[in-house]
Amino acid sequence: MTIPTRDTDTGCSATVHGCRFYSSITFLDFFQDDYDIKLEIARVQSFNASVYKYLKADFVLYNRTERVLNASWEQIVDLGSDIMLEVQLYKFVSNEYRFFPVFVTVNPCSEFSRNTFGAKTIFSKTSNIDPCNMKKSIYHVRNAVPDSSKFPPHLPHGKYEILCTFTYYSYELSVIEFYVEFIDKPVDWRKIPKRNRH
C-alpha cells in the first residue's frame, strides 16, 4: 500500500501557537459512540540506535476485517518515567496528508496512570511495558486494539496520519507513523425506535 505524500505547509501564520494546541495537562475522560477507528498502517520512521537495539511496529491482520498493533523492541539503557510523547495529526485531503491543528505533548507515565484513552487497560493485557519504569529489557505489544469509545467525540471522519515522536529530555528516541481512519459506526438496528402502525 502506497502512502501519499504529506503537505508540509501548515497554512499557519507567523504565530505558530495560533495553529496548534499544546497540552501539558491530562486529557479529559472522553466517551463517544459515533465512530470507529480503522487501523491501516504503522511504520517506524526512525529510532535512536544508542537506546534501542531494534524497534519494530506494524498493524497486522487479526482476521479478515480487523488489524491489530504488534510491536517489539530491545531497550539497552534505562529511561525510567521521563519519556515524553509528542503527537501531531495530519488529515488526508486532496490526495495527500495535510497539517491538522492538533499537537499535544504528554508524559506517557502520567497518562498511563490515568488510563487516558483506555491505554492502561489495553496495554496491561497486551504488552509487558510499564511507562513509569522503562528499564533496559526486551518489550512487546501483541494484538492491541484502541478503544474508540474513549476517544474525543465529534472528530471529523476521514483518514489521518498520527505522527508520534518519543523524546528523553533533549534526545529523540523514536518516530512512529500511524495511519488510521475514523469511520461511522455500523447502524445498530435494535436501537432504532419502532414505528407504530395503525
N, C-alpha and C. Protein backbone atom coordinates (compact mmCIF):
# COMPACT_ATOMS: atom_id res chain seq x y z
N MET A 1 0.85 -1.20 0.00
CA MET A 1 0.00 0.00 0.00
C MET A 1 0.88 1.24 0.00
N THR A 2 0.66 2.15 -0.95
CA THR A 2 1.46 3.36 -1.05
C THR A 2 0.90 4.44 -0.15
N ILE A 3 1.79 5.08 0.61
CA ILE A 3 1.37 6.16 1.49
C ILE A 3 1.54 7.48 0.76
N PRO A 4 0.46 8.25 0.59
CA PRO A 4 0.56 9.54 -0.09
C PRO A 4 1.52 10.48 0.62
N THR A 5 2.03 11.44 -0.12
CA THR A 5 2.96 12.41 0.46
C THR A 5 2.24 13.32 1.43
N ARG A 6 3.02 13.94 2.31
CA ARG A 6 2.46 14.84 3.31
C ARG A 6 2.73 16.27 2.91
N ASP A 7 1.73 17.12 3.06
CA ASP A 7 1.88 18.54 2.80
C ASP A 7 2.54 19.17 4.00
N THR A 8 3.74 19.69 3.84
CA THR A 8 4.48 20.28 4.96
C THR A 8 4.10 21.73 5.21
N ASP A 9 3.31 22.33 4.31
CA ASP A 9 2.85 23.70 4.52
C ASP A 9 1.69 23.68 5.50
N THR A 10 1.90 24.24 6.66
CA THR A 10 0.88 24.20 7.70
C THR A 10 -0.26 25.15 7.43
N GLY A 11 -0.02 26.15 6.61
CA GLY A 11 -1.06 27.14 6.39
C GLY A 11 -1.18 28.10 7.56
N CYS A 12 -0.22 28.05 8.48
CA CYS A 12 -0.29 28.90 9.66
C CYS A 12 0.40 30.24 9.40
N SER A 13 0.03 31.22 10.17
CA SER A 13 0.71 32.50 10.13
C SER A 13 1.99 32.40 10.95
N ALA A 14 2.64 33.52 11.16
CA ALA A 14 3.89 33.51 11.92
C ALA A 14 3.65 33.08 13.36
N THR A 15 2.43 33.26 13.85
CA THR A 15 2.12 32.85 15.22
C THR A 15 1.74 31.38 15.22
N VAL A 16 2.74 30.52 15.42
CA VAL A 16 2.52 29.08 15.33
C VAL A 16 1.53 28.61 16.37
N HIS A 17 1.57 29.22 17.55
CA HIS A 17 0.69 28.76 18.62
C HIS A 17 -0.77 29.02 18.31
N GLY A 18 -1.05 29.83 17.29
CA GLY A 18 -2.42 30.04 16.89
C GLY A 18 -2.96 28.89 16.08
N CYS A 19 -2.08 27.96 15.68
CA CYS A 19 -2.50 26.86 14.82
C CYS A 19 -2.42 25.52 15.52
N ARG A 20 -1.71 25.43 16.59
CA ARG A 20 -1.54 24.16 17.27
C ARG A 20 -2.05 24.25 18.69
N PHE A 21 -2.48 23.11 19.21
CA PHE A 21 -2.91 23.03 20.59
C PHE A 21 -1.84 22.32 21.39
N TYR A 22 -1.24 23.00 22.35
CA TYR A 22 -0.21 22.40 23.18
C TYR A 22 -0.82 21.99 24.51
N SER A 23 -0.53 20.79 24.95
CA SER A 23 -1.16 20.28 26.16
C SER A 23 -0.10 19.83 27.16
N SER A 24 -0.12 20.43 28.33
CA SER A 24 0.73 19.97 29.42
C SER A 24 -0.12 19.42 30.55
N ILE A 25 -1.42 19.26 30.30
CA ILE A 25 -2.34 18.71 31.29
C ILE A 25 -2.92 17.41 30.77
N THR A 26 -3.55 16.69 31.64
CA THR A 26 -4.11 15.41 31.24
C THR A 26 -5.29 15.57 30.30
N PHE A 27 -5.50 14.57 29.45
CA PHE A 27 -6.69 14.55 28.60
C PHE A 27 -7.93 14.37 29.47
N LEU A 28 -9.06 14.82 28.95
CA LEU A 28 -10.31 14.60 29.64
C LEU A 28 -10.72 13.14 29.52
N ASP A 29 -11.66 12.74 30.36
CA ASP A 29 -12.18 11.38 30.32
C ASP A 29 -13.29 11.35 29.28
N PHE A 30 -12.93 11.01 28.03
CA PHE A 30 -13.87 11.10 26.93
C PHE A 30 -14.76 9.86 26.86
N PHE A 31 -15.89 10.05 26.18
CA PHE A 31 -16.73 8.93 25.75
C PHE A 31 -17.43 9.33 24.47
N GLN A 32 -17.42 8.43 23.48
CA GLN A 32 -18.13 8.70 22.24
C GLN A 32 -18.64 7.39 21.66
N ASP A 33 -19.69 7.50 20.84
CA ASP A 33 -20.30 6.31 20.25
C ASP A 33 -20.72 6.58 18.79
N ASP A 34 -19.98 7.51 18.12
CA ASP A 34 -20.40 7.85 16.76
C ASP A 34 -19.40 7.40 15.69
N TYR A 35 -18.19 6.95 16.07
CA TYR A 35 -17.25 6.48 15.07
C TYR A 35 -16.37 5.35 15.60
N ASP A 36 -15.85 4.55 14.67
CA ASP A 36 -14.87 3.52 14.97
C ASP A 36 -13.53 3.93 14.39
N ILE A 37 -12.46 3.26 14.84
CA ILE A 37 -11.12 3.54 14.34
C ILE A 37 -10.64 2.34 13.52
N LYS A 38 -10.40 2.57 12.25
CA LYS A 38 -9.89 1.53 11.36
C LYS A 38 -8.38 1.67 11.25
N LEU A 39 -7.65 0.64 11.66
CA LEU A 39 -6.19 0.66 11.62
C LEU A 39 -5.72 0.29 10.21
N GLU A 40 -4.79 1.05 9.65
CA GLU A 40 -4.33 0.80 8.29
C GLU A 40 -2.85 0.45 8.24
N ILE A 41 -1.97 1.38 8.62
CA ILE A 41 -0.53 1.15 8.53
C ILE A 41 0.15 1.72 9.77
N ALA A 42 1.13 1.01 10.31
CA ALA A 42 2.03 1.52 11.33
C ALA A 42 3.45 1.34 10.81
N ARG A 43 4.27 2.36 10.98
CA ARG A 43 5.62 2.30 10.42
C ARG A 43 6.60 3.04 11.32
N VAL A 44 7.72 2.42 11.62
CA VAL A 44 8.79 3.08 12.37
C VAL A 44 9.59 3.95 11.39
N GLN A 45 9.52 5.24 11.59
CA GLN A 45 10.25 6.16 10.72
C GLN A 45 11.73 6.20 11.08
N SER A 46 12.03 6.20 12.38
CA SER A 46 13.42 6.23 12.84
C SER A 46 13.48 5.85 14.31
N PHE A 47 14.66 5.43 14.75
CA PHE A 47 14.88 5.19 16.18
C PHE A 47 16.35 5.42 16.51
N ASN A 48 16.59 5.74 17.77
CA ASN A 48 17.93 6.04 18.26
C ASN A 48 18.66 4.74 18.56
N ALA A 49 19.68 4.42 17.79
CA ALA A 49 20.42 3.17 17.95
C ALA A 49 21.24 3.14 19.23
N SER A 50 21.40 4.28 19.89
CA SER A 50 22.10 4.30 21.18
C SER A 50 21.18 3.89 22.32
N VAL A 51 19.88 3.83 22.02
CA VAL A 51 18.89 3.49 23.04
C VAL A 51 18.23 2.14 22.75
N TYR A 52 18.02 1.85 21.46
CA TYR A 52 17.33 0.62 21.07
C TYR A 52 18.22 -0.21 20.14
N LYS A 53 18.27 -1.50 20.43
CA LYS A 53 18.99 -2.41 19.53
C LYS A 53 18.17 -2.63 18.26
N TYR A 54 16.85 -2.70 18.43
CA TYR A 54 15.92 -2.78 17.29
C TYR A 54 14.57 -2.26 17.76
N LEU A 55 13.74 -1.86 16.79
CA LEU A 55 12.40 -1.38 17.09
C LEU A 55 11.52 -1.65 15.88
N LYS A 56 10.45 -2.42 16.10
CA LYS A 56 9.53 -2.78 15.02
C LYS A 56 8.10 -2.50 15.46
N ALA A 57 7.27 -2.07 14.51
CA ALA A 57 5.86 -1.84 14.80
C ALA A 57 5.07 -1.98 13.51
N ASP A 58 3.89 -2.59 13.61
CA ASP A 58 3.07 -2.77 12.41
C ASP A 58 1.64 -3.08 12.82
N PHE A 59 0.70 -2.70 11.96
CA PHE A 59 -0.69 -3.16 12.09
C PHE A 59 -0.81 -4.43 11.25
N VAL A 60 -1.10 -5.54 11.88
CA VAL A 60 -1.19 -6.81 11.17
C VAL A 60 -2.61 -7.33 11.21
N LEU A 61 -2.97 -8.14 10.21
CA LEU A 61 -4.32 -8.70 10.14
C LEU A 61 -4.54 -9.70 11.27
N TYR A 62 -5.61 -9.47 12.03
CA TYR A 62 -6.01 -10.39 13.09
C TYR A 62 -7.04 -11.37 12.57
N ASN A 63 -7.90 -10.85 11.67
CA ASN A 63 -8.84 -11.70 10.94
C ASN A 63 -9.05 -11.04 9.58
N ARG A 64 -10.07 -11.40 8.88
CA ARG A 64 -10.25 -10.89 7.51
C ARG A 64 -10.61 -9.41 7.47
N THR A 65 -11.08 -8.86 8.58
CA THR A 65 -11.53 -7.47 8.56
C THR A 65 -10.84 -6.56 9.56
N GLU A 66 -10.12 -7.12 10.51
CA GLU A 66 -9.58 -6.30 11.60
C GLU A 66 -8.07 -6.41 11.68
N ARG A 67 -7.43 -5.25 11.89
CA ARG A 67 -5.99 -5.20 12.14
C ARG A 67 -5.73 -4.88 13.60
N VAL A 68 -4.57 -5.33 14.08
CA VAL A 68 -4.16 -5.08 15.46
C VAL A 68 -2.72 -4.57 15.45
N LEU A 69 -2.32 -3.95 16.55
CA LEU A 69 -0.95 -3.44 16.67
C LEU A 69 -0.04 -4.50 17.28
N ASN A 70 1.02 -4.81 16.57
CA ASN A 70 2.11 -5.63 17.10
C ASN A 70 3.39 -4.81 17.07
N ALA A 71 4.16 -4.88 18.14
CA ALA A 71 5.42 -4.14 18.20
C ALA A 71 6.40 -4.89 19.08
N SER A 72 7.68 -4.69 18.83
CA SER A 72 8.72 -5.29 19.67
C SER A 72 9.97 -4.42 19.59
N TRP A 73 10.68 -4.35 20.68
CA TRP A 73 11.93 -3.59 20.70
C TRP A 73 12.80 -4.05 21.87
N GLU A 74 14.10 -3.84 21.70
CA GLU A 74 15.06 -4.11 22.78
C GLU A 74 15.67 -2.78 23.20
N GLN A 75 15.42 -2.42 24.44
CA GLN A 75 15.92 -1.17 25.00
C GLN A 75 17.20 -1.47 25.78
N ILE A 76 18.27 -0.74 25.47
CA ILE A 76 19.58 -1.08 26.03
C ILE A 76 20.06 -0.08 27.09
N VAL A 77 19.20 0.88 27.46
CA VAL A 77 19.50 1.81 28.55
C VAL A 77 18.24 2.01 29.38
N ASP A 78 18.41 2.41 30.63
CA ASP A 78 17.27 2.71 31.50
C ASP A 78 16.75 4.12 31.20
N LEU A 79 15.44 4.25 31.05
CA LEU A 79 14.82 5.54 30.78
C LEU A 79 13.85 5.97 31.88
N GLY A 80 13.52 5.06 32.77
CA GLY A 80 12.64 5.40 33.89
C GLY A 80 11.27 5.85 33.44
N SER A 81 10.81 6.99 34.01
CA SER A 81 9.48 7.52 33.71
C SER A 81 9.55 8.85 32.97
N ASP A 82 10.73 9.17 32.43
CA ASP A 82 10.97 10.52 31.89
C ASP A 82 10.80 10.64 30.39
N ILE A 83 10.19 9.65 29.76
CA ILE A 83 9.93 9.73 28.33
C ILE A 83 8.77 10.70 28.08
N MET A 84 8.88 11.50 27.03
CA MET A 84 7.80 12.38 26.61
C MET A 84 7.33 11.97 25.22
N LEU A 85 6.06 12.20 24.96
CA LEU A 85 5.45 11.85 23.67
C LEU A 85 4.83 13.09 23.03
N GLU A 86 5.28 13.40 21.81
CA GLU A 86 4.69 14.48 21.03
C GLU A 86 3.83 13.86 19.93
N VAL A 87 2.60 14.31 19.81
CA VAL A 87 1.66 13.77 18.83
C VAL A 87 1.19 14.89 17.91
N GLN A 88 1.40 14.71 16.60
CA GLN A 88 0.93 15.66 15.59
C GLN A 88 0.02 14.92 14.61
N LEU A 89 -1.12 15.50 14.29
CA LEU A 89 -2.06 14.90 13.35
C LEU A 89 -1.97 15.55 11.98
N TYR A 90 -2.15 14.71 10.94
CA TYR A 90 -2.28 15.17 9.56
C TYR A 90 -3.53 14.50 8.99
N LYS A 91 -4.36 15.26 8.28
CA LYS A 91 -5.60 14.73 7.72
C LYS A 91 -5.46 14.56 6.21
N PHE A 92 -6.01 13.47 5.69
CA PHE A 92 -5.94 13.16 4.26
C PHE A 92 -6.95 14.02 3.50
N VAL A 93 -6.43 14.97 2.74
CA VAL A 93 -7.27 15.89 1.96
C VAL A 93 -6.60 16.11 0.60
N SER A 94 -7.38 16.05 -0.48
CA SER A 94 -6.86 16.31 -1.83
C SER A 94 -5.65 15.42 -2.15
N ASN A 95 -5.78 14.15 -1.82
CA ASN A 95 -4.80 13.13 -2.18
C ASN A 95 -3.46 13.25 -1.47
N GLU A 96 -3.43 13.94 -0.33
CA GLU A 96 -2.21 13.99 0.48
C GLU A 96 -2.58 14.28 1.93
N TYR A 97 -1.65 13.98 2.83
CA TYR A 97 -1.87 14.25 4.25
C TYR A 97 -1.45 15.68 4.54
N ARG A 98 -2.41 16.47 4.99
CA ARG A 98 -2.18 17.88 5.26
C ARG A 98 -2.24 18.16 6.76
N PHE A 99 -1.52 19.18 7.17
CA PHE A 99 -1.46 19.58 8.57
C PHE A 99 -2.86 19.73 9.15
N PHE A 100 -3.07 19.12 10.32
CA PHE A 100 -4.33 19.24 11.05
C PHE A 100 -4.01 19.85 12.41
N PRO A 101 -4.74 20.86 12.84
CA PRO A 101 -4.34 21.65 14.01
C PRO A 101 -4.54 20.96 15.35
N VAL A 102 -3.90 19.82 15.51
CA VAL A 102 -3.87 19.14 16.82
C VAL A 102 -2.44 18.72 17.09
N PHE A 103 -1.85 19.25 18.14
CA PHE A 103 -0.50 18.89 18.55
C PHE A 103 -0.48 18.85 20.07
N VAL A 104 -0.09 17.71 20.64
CA VAL A 104 -0.05 17.59 22.10
C VAL A 104 1.28 16.98 22.52
N THR A 105 1.74 17.37 23.69
CA THR A 105 2.92 16.78 24.31
C THR A 105 2.52 16.26 25.68
N VAL A 106 2.74 14.97 25.92
CA VAL A 106 2.33 14.36 27.18
C VAL A 106 3.43 13.46 27.71
N ASN A 107 3.34 13.15 28.98
CA ASN A 107 4.21 12.17 29.62
C ASN A 107 3.47 10.83 29.65
N PRO A 108 3.95 9.82 28.90
CA PRO A 108 3.23 8.53 28.86
C PRO A 108 2.97 7.92 30.23
N CYS A 109 3.91 8.10 31.17
CA CYS A 109 3.71 7.55 32.51
C CYS A 109 2.47 8.16 33.16
N SER A 110 2.34 9.48 33.09
CA SER A 110 1.20 10.15 33.71
C SER A 110 -0.11 9.73 33.07
N GLU A 111 -0.13 9.70 31.72
CA GLU A 111 -1.37 9.35 31.03
C GLU A 111 -1.72 7.87 31.20
N PHE A 112 -0.71 7.02 31.29
CA PHE A 112 -0.93 5.60 31.54
C PHE A 112 -1.58 5.42 32.92
N SER A 113 -1.06 6.14 33.91
CA SER A 113 -1.60 6.03 35.27
C SER A 113 -3.05 6.49 35.33
N ARG A 114 -3.41 7.48 34.49
CA ARG A 114 -4.78 7.98 34.47
C ARG A 114 -5.67 7.17 33.54
N ASN A 115 -5.09 6.20 32.84
CA ASN A 115 -5.82 5.36 31.88
C ASN A 115 -6.45 6.20 30.76
N THR A 116 -5.71 7.22 30.31
CA THR A 116 -6.17 8.06 29.21
C THR A 116 -6.36 7.24 27.95
N PHE A 117 -7.49 7.43 27.28
CA PHE A 117 -7.85 6.66 26.08
C PHE A 117 -7.92 5.15 26.35
N GLY A 118 -8.01 4.77 27.63
CA GLY A 118 -8.05 3.34 27.97
C GLY A 118 -6.72 2.66 27.78
N ALA A 119 -5.60 3.44 27.73
CA ALA A 119 -4.29 2.87 27.42
C ALA A 119 -3.83 1.83 28.44
N LYS A 120 -4.05 2.11 29.72
CA LYS A 120 -3.60 1.17 30.75
C LYS A 120 -4.37 -0.14 30.65
N THR A 121 -5.68 -0.05 30.42
CA THR A 121 -6.50 -1.25 30.29
C THR A 121 -6.01 -2.10 29.12
N ILE A 122 -5.72 -1.44 27.99
CA ILE A 122 -5.31 -2.16 26.78
C ILE A 122 -3.93 -2.77 26.93
N PHE A 123 -2.94 -1.94 27.29
CA PHE A 123 -1.55 -2.41 27.29
C PHE A 123 -1.23 -3.33 28.47
N SER A 124 -2.02 -3.25 29.52
CA SER A 124 -1.82 -4.20 30.63
C SER A 124 -2.16 -5.62 30.19
N LYS A 125 -3.05 -5.74 29.20
CA LYS A 125 -3.46 -7.06 28.71
C LYS A 125 -2.64 -7.53 27.52
N THR A 126 -2.03 -6.60 26.78
CA THR A 126 -1.41 -6.97 25.51
C THR A 126 0.10 -6.74 25.46
N SER A 127 0.69 -6.26 26.54
CA SER A 127 2.13 -5.96 26.49
C SER A 127 2.78 -6.16 27.85
N ASN A 128 4.10 -6.03 27.85
CA ASN A 128 4.87 -6.11 29.11
C ASN A 128 5.51 -4.77 29.45
N ILE A 129 4.95 -3.67 28.93
CA ILE A 129 5.55 -2.36 29.19
C ILE A 129 4.95 -1.72 30.44
N ASP A 130 5.77 -0.93 31.10
CA ASP A 130 5.34 -0.08 32.21
C ASP A 130 5.96 1.29 31.96
N PRO A 131 5.21 2.24 31.38
CA PRO A 131 5.79 3.54 31.03
C PRO A 131 6.37 4.30 32.21
N CYS A 132 6.06 3.87 33.42
CA CYS A 132 6.61 4.55 34.59
C CYS A 132 7.90 3.91 35.08
N ASN A 133 8.34 2.85 34.41
CA ASN A 133 9.56 2.17 34.83
C ASN A 133 10.18 1.44 33.63
N MET A 134 10.63 2.22 32.65
CA MET A 134 11.17 1.65 31.41
C MET A 134 12.66 1.33 31.58
N LYS A 135 12.91 0.14 32.10
CA LYS A 135 14.29 -0.32 32.27
C LYS A 135 14.78 -0.98 30.99
N LYS A 136 16.08 -1.18 30.89
CA LYS A 136 16.61 -1.87 29.71
C LYS A 136 16.10 -3.31 29.74
N SER A 137 15.48 -3.70 28.63
CA SER A 137 14.84 -5.01 28.55
C SER A 137 14.31 -5.20 27.13
N ILE A 138 13.71 -6.35 26.89
CA ILE A 138 13.02 -6.63 25.63
C ILE A 138 11.52 -6.47 25.87
N TYR A 139 10.88 -5.65 25.03
CA TYR A 139 9.46 -5.35 25.21
C TYR A 139 8.66 -5.79 23.99
N HIS A 140 7.36 -5.99 24.23
CA HIS A 140 6.49 -6.38 23.12
C HIS A 140 5.08 -5.85 23.35
N VAL A 141 4.36 -5.66 22.24
CA VAL A 141 2.93 -5.39 22.23
C VAL A 141 2.33 -6.38 21.25
N ARG A 142 1.30 -7.10 21.68
CA ARG A 142 0.71 -8.13 20.82
C ARG A 142 -0.81 -7.98 20.79
N ASN A 143 -1.32 -7.82 19.58
CA ASN A 143 -2.77 -7.80 19.33
C ASN A 143 -3.49 -6.68 20.09
N ALA A 144 -2.88 -5.51 20.11
CA ALA A 144 -3.51 -4.37 20.78
C ALA A 144 -4.46 -3.65 19.83
N VAL A 145 -5.62 -3.27 20.35
CA VAL A 145 -6.64 -2.56 19.57
C VAL A 145 -7.11 -1.36 20.39
N PRO A 146 -7.15 -0.16 19.79
CA PRO A 146 -7.61 1.01 20.55
C PRO A 146 -9.08 0.90 20.90
N ASP A 147 -9.44 1.47 22.04
CA ASP A 147 -10.85 1.53 22.46
C ASP A 147 -11.43 2.84 21.94
N SER A 148 -12.13 2.78 20.81
CA SER A 148 -12.62 4.01 20.18
C SER A 148 -13.60 4.77 21.06
N SER A 149 -14.25 4.08 21.99
CA SER A 149 -15.23 4.76 22.85
C SER A 149 -14.56 5.76 23.79
N LYS A 150 -13.24 5.63 24.00
CA LYS A 150 -12.50 6.51 24.91
C LYS A 150 -11.91 7.72 24.20
N PHE A 151 -12.15 7.84 22.88
CA PHE A 151 -11.61 8.96 22.12
C PHE A 151 -12.58 10.15 22.14
N PRO A 152 -12.08 11.35 21.80
CA PRO A 152 -12.95 12.54 21.84
C PRO A 152 -14.11 12.42 20.87
N PRO A 153 -15.28 12.87 21.24
CA PRO A 153 -16.44 12.85 20.33
C PRO A 153 -16.32 13.93 19.26
N HIS A 154 -17.05 13.74 18.17
CA HIS A 154 -17.22 14.75 17.12
C HIS A 154 -15.95 15.06 16.34
N LEU A 155 -14.97 14.16 16.33
CA LEU A 155 -13.81 14.37 15.47
C LEU A 155 -14.24 14.19 14.02
N PRO A 156 -13.72 15.02 13.11
CA PRO A 156 -14.08 14.86 11.69
C PRO A 156 -13.70 13.48 11.18
N HIS A 157 -14.62 12.80 10.53
CA HIS A 157 -14.31 11.48 9.99
C HIS A 157 -13.36 11.61 8.81
N GLY A 158 -12.61 10.55 8.56
CA GLY A 158 -11.66 10.56 7.45
C GLY A 158 -10.37 9.86 7.84
N LYS A 159 -9.39 9.95 6.94
CA LYS A 159 -8.10 9.30 7.15
C LYS A 159 -7.11 10.28 7.78
N TYR A 160 -6.30 9.74 8.71
CA TYR A 160 -5.33 10.57 9.42
C TYR A 160 -3.97 9.87 9.49
N GLU A 161 -2.94 10.68 9.51
CA GLU A 161 -1.62 10.22 9.93
C GLU A 161 -1.38 10.76 11.34
N ILE A 162 -1.05 9.88 12.26
CA ILE A 162 -0.72 10.29 13.62
C ILE A 162 0.79 10.10 13.79
N LEU A 163 1.51 11.21 13.86
CA LEU A 163 2.97 11.17 13.96
C LEU A 163 3.36 11.26 15.42
N CYS A 164 3.98 10.20 15.93
CA CYS A 164 4.36 10.13 17.35
C CYS A 164 5.87 10.21 17.48
N THR A 165 6.34 11.20 18.21
CA THR A 165 7.77 11.39 18.45
C THR A 165 8.04 11.21 19.94
N PHE A 166 8.85 10.23 20.27
CA PHE A 166 9.21 9.96 21.66
C PHE A 166 10.57 10.61 21.96
N THR A 167 10.64 11.32 23.07
CA THR A 167 11.89 12.00 23.44
C THR A 167 12.24 11.71 24.90
N TYR A 168 13.53 11.91 25.19
CA TYR A 168 14.04 11.77 26.56
C TYR A 168 14.88 13.02 26.82
N TYR A 169 14.28 13.97 27.55
CA TYR A 169 14.87 15.30 27.70
C TYR A 169 15.08 15.87 26.29
N SER A 170 16.29 16.18 25.89
CA SER A 170 16.51 16.79 24.56
C SER A 170 16.83 15.75 23.49
N TYR A 171 16.80 14.46 23.85
CA TYR A 171 17.18 13.41 22.91
C TYR A 171 15.95 12.78 22.26
N GLU A 172 15.97 12.66 20.95
CA GLU A 172 14.89 11.98 20.24
C GLU A 172 15.12 10.48 20.32
N LEU A 173 14.11 9.75 20.77
CA LEU A 173 14.22 8.30 20.92
C LEU A 173 13.73 7.58 19.67
N SER A 174 12.54 7.95 19.21
CA SER A 174 11.97 7.28 18.04
C SER A 174 10.85 8.11 17.45
N VAL A 175 10.56 7.84 16.18
CA VAL A 175 9.44 8.47 15.49
C VAL A 175 8.65 7.35 14.81
N ILE A 176 7.35 7.28 15.13
CA ILE A 176 6.50 6.22 14.59
C ILE A 176 5.28 6.86 13.93
N GLU A 177 4.94 6.38 12.73
CA GLU A 177 3.78 6.87 11.99
C GLU A 177 2.65 5.86 12.09
N PHE A 178 1.46 6.35 12.44
CA PHE A 178 0.27 5.51 12.46
C PHE A 178 -0.74 6.10 11.48
N TYR A 179 -1.22 5.26 10.56
CA TYR A 179 -2.24 5.68 9.61
C TYR A 179 -3.55 4.99 9.96
N VAL A 180 -4.57 5.81 10.23
CA VAL A 180 -5.86 5.28 10.68
C VAL A 180 -6.98 6.01 9.95
N GLU A 181 -8.18 5.47 10.08
CA GLU A 181 -9.35 6.12 9.52
C GLU A 181 -10.47 6.10 10.55
N PHE A 182 -11.10 7.26 10.75
CA PHE A 182 -12.28 7.35 11.60
C PHE A 182 -13.51 7.15 10.73
N ILE A 183 -14.26 6.10 11.01
CA ILE A 183 -15.40 5.74 10.17
C ILE A 183 -16.66 5.66 11.02
N ASP A 184 -17.82 5.79 10.36
CA ASP A 184 -19.10 5.68 11.05
C ASP A 184 -19.26 4.30 11.68
N LYS A 185 -19.83 4.29 12.86
CA LYS A 185 -20.17 3.01 13.47
C LYS A 185 -21.30 2.34 12.69
N PRO A 186 -21.28 1.03 12.60
CA PRO A 186 -22.41 0.34 11.95
C PRO A 186 -23.72 0.65 12.67
N VAL A 187 -24.78 0.72 11.91
CA VAL A 187 -26.09 1.01 12.50
C VAL A 187 -26.54 -0.17 13.36
N ASP A 188 -26.91 0.12 14.59
CA ASP A 188 -27.48 -0.89 15.48
C ASP A 188 -29.00 -0.81 15.34
N TRP A 189 -29.55 -1.71 14.55
CA TRP A 189 -30.98 -1.66 14.25
C TRP A 189 -31.84 -1.87 15.49
N ARG A 190 -31.27 -2.46 16.53
CA ARG A 190 -32.04 -2.67 17.75
C ARG A 190 -32.34 -1.36 18.46
N LYS A 191 -31.52 -0.31 18.18
CA LYS A 191 -31.72 0.96 18.88
C LYS A 191 -32.63 1.91 18.11
N ILE A 192 -33.04 1.52 16.91
CA ILE A 192 -33.93 2.37 16.13
C ILE A 192 -35.37 2.17 16.63
N PRO A 193 -36.02 3.26 17.04
CA PRO A 193 -37.39 3.14 17.57
C PRO A 193 -38.33 2.53 16.52
N LYS A 194 -39.17 1.64 17.00
CA LYS A 194 -40.14 1.04 16.09
C LYS A 194 -41.30 2.00 15.83
N ARG A 195 -41.75 2.01 14.59
CA ARG A 195 -42.85 2.88 14.21
C ARG A 195 -44.17 2.20 14.50
N ASN A 196 -45.03 2.92 15.17
CA ASN A 196 -46.36 2.37 15.46
C ASN A 196 -47.21 2.34 14.20
N ARG A 197 -47.78 1.20 13.91
CA ARG A 197 -48.64 1.07 12.73
C ARG A 197 -50.09 1.00 13.19
N HIS A 198 -50.89 1.80 12.55
CA HIS A 198 -52.32 1.84 12.90
C HIS A 198 -53.15 1.07 11.90
